[in-house]
Amino acid sequence: MARCTNCTRDLKEGEEFSLVRVQYWKTKVGSKECKQPDFDETRGYCQPCAKKVQVNAWKD
């Protein structure tokens, strides 16, 4: 599966930031931090990491 990587673009015109749902991946086991911002390849948009975000580690 795709893995979240560094941001490659900003929100497209018309995309509502508050409605954006992004999956973040852990940089290391047990870490609550994620790269800021991250880019979700499967959805194609960027959003800054939020504190206490639900972290999902995607596996290849």
Protein backbone atom coordinates (compact mmCIF):
# COMPACT_ATOMS: atom_id res chain seq x y z
CA MET A 1 0.00 0.00 0.00
CA ALA A 2 0.98 3.60 -0.40
CA ARG A 3 2.87 5.24 2.38
CA CYS A 4 2.37 8.83 3.47
CA THR A 5 5.30 10.94 2.32
CA ASN A 6 6.34 14.58 2.33
CA CYS A 7 3.87 17.09 1.00
CA THR A 8 4.08 17.70 -2.73
CA ARG A 9 1.27 20.21 -3.11
CA ASP A 10 -1.22 22.38 -1.24
CA LEU A 11 -4.97 21.92 -1.06
CA LYS A 12 -6.65 22.30 -4.43
CA GLU A 13 -9.01 25.18 -4.96
CA GLY A 14 -12.41 24.25 -3.55
CA GLU A 15 -11.07 21.63 -1.14
CA GLU A 16 -12.29 22.30 2.38
CA PHE A 17 -9.40 22.08 4.84
CA SER A 18 -11.69 21.27 7.76
CA LEU A 19 -13.09 18.25 5.91
CA VAL A 20 -9.73 16.80 4.96
CA ARG A 21 -9.02 13.43 6.51
CA VAL A 22 -5.43 12.31 6.36
CA GLN A 23 -3.75 9.09 7.43
CA TYR A 24 -0.41 9.66 9.13
CA TRP A 25 2.34 7.12 9.60
CA LYS A 26 4.68 6.65 12.52
CA THR A 27 8.33 7.56 12.05
CA LYS A 28 9.24 4.97 14.68
CA VAL A 29 7.47 2.47 16.88
CA GLY A 30 5.76 4.12 19.83
CA SER A 31 6.14 7.60 18.39
CA LYS A 32 3.12 9.91 18.47
CA GLU A 33 4.85 12.32 16.12
CA CYS A 34 4.34 12.50 12.39
CA LYS A 35 5.96 14.52 9.63
CA GLN A 36 4.42 17.94 9.20
CA PRO A 37 2.87 18.23 6.82
CA ASP A 38 2.29 14.79 5.31
CA PHE A 39 0.96 13.91 1.88
CA ASP A 40 -1.63 11.19 1.36
CA GLU A 41 -0.92 9.63 -2.04
CA THR A 42 -4.25 7.82 -2.19
CA ARG A 43 -6.21 11.04 -1.71
CA GLY A 44 -3.77 13.55 -3.14
CA TYR A 45 -3.80 16.40 -0.64
CA CYS A 46 -1.77 17.80 2.22
CA GLN A 47 -2.60 18.77 5.77
CA PRO A 48 -0.45 19.74 8.76
CA CYS A 49 -0.24 17.19 11.53
CA ALA A 50 -2.56 17.76 14.44
CA LYS A 51 -1.59 17.03 18.02
CA LYS A 52 -3.08 13.82 19.42
CA VAL A 53 -3.97 12.71 15.88
CA GLN A 54 -4.88 9.07 15.38
CA VAL A 55 -1.71 7.59 13.93
CA ASN A 56 -1.96 4.82 11.39
CA ALA A 57 1.19 3.01 10.32
CA TRP A 58 0.81 1.81 6.77
CA LYS A 59 2.70 -1.28 5.69
CA ASP A 60 3.92 -1.95 2.16
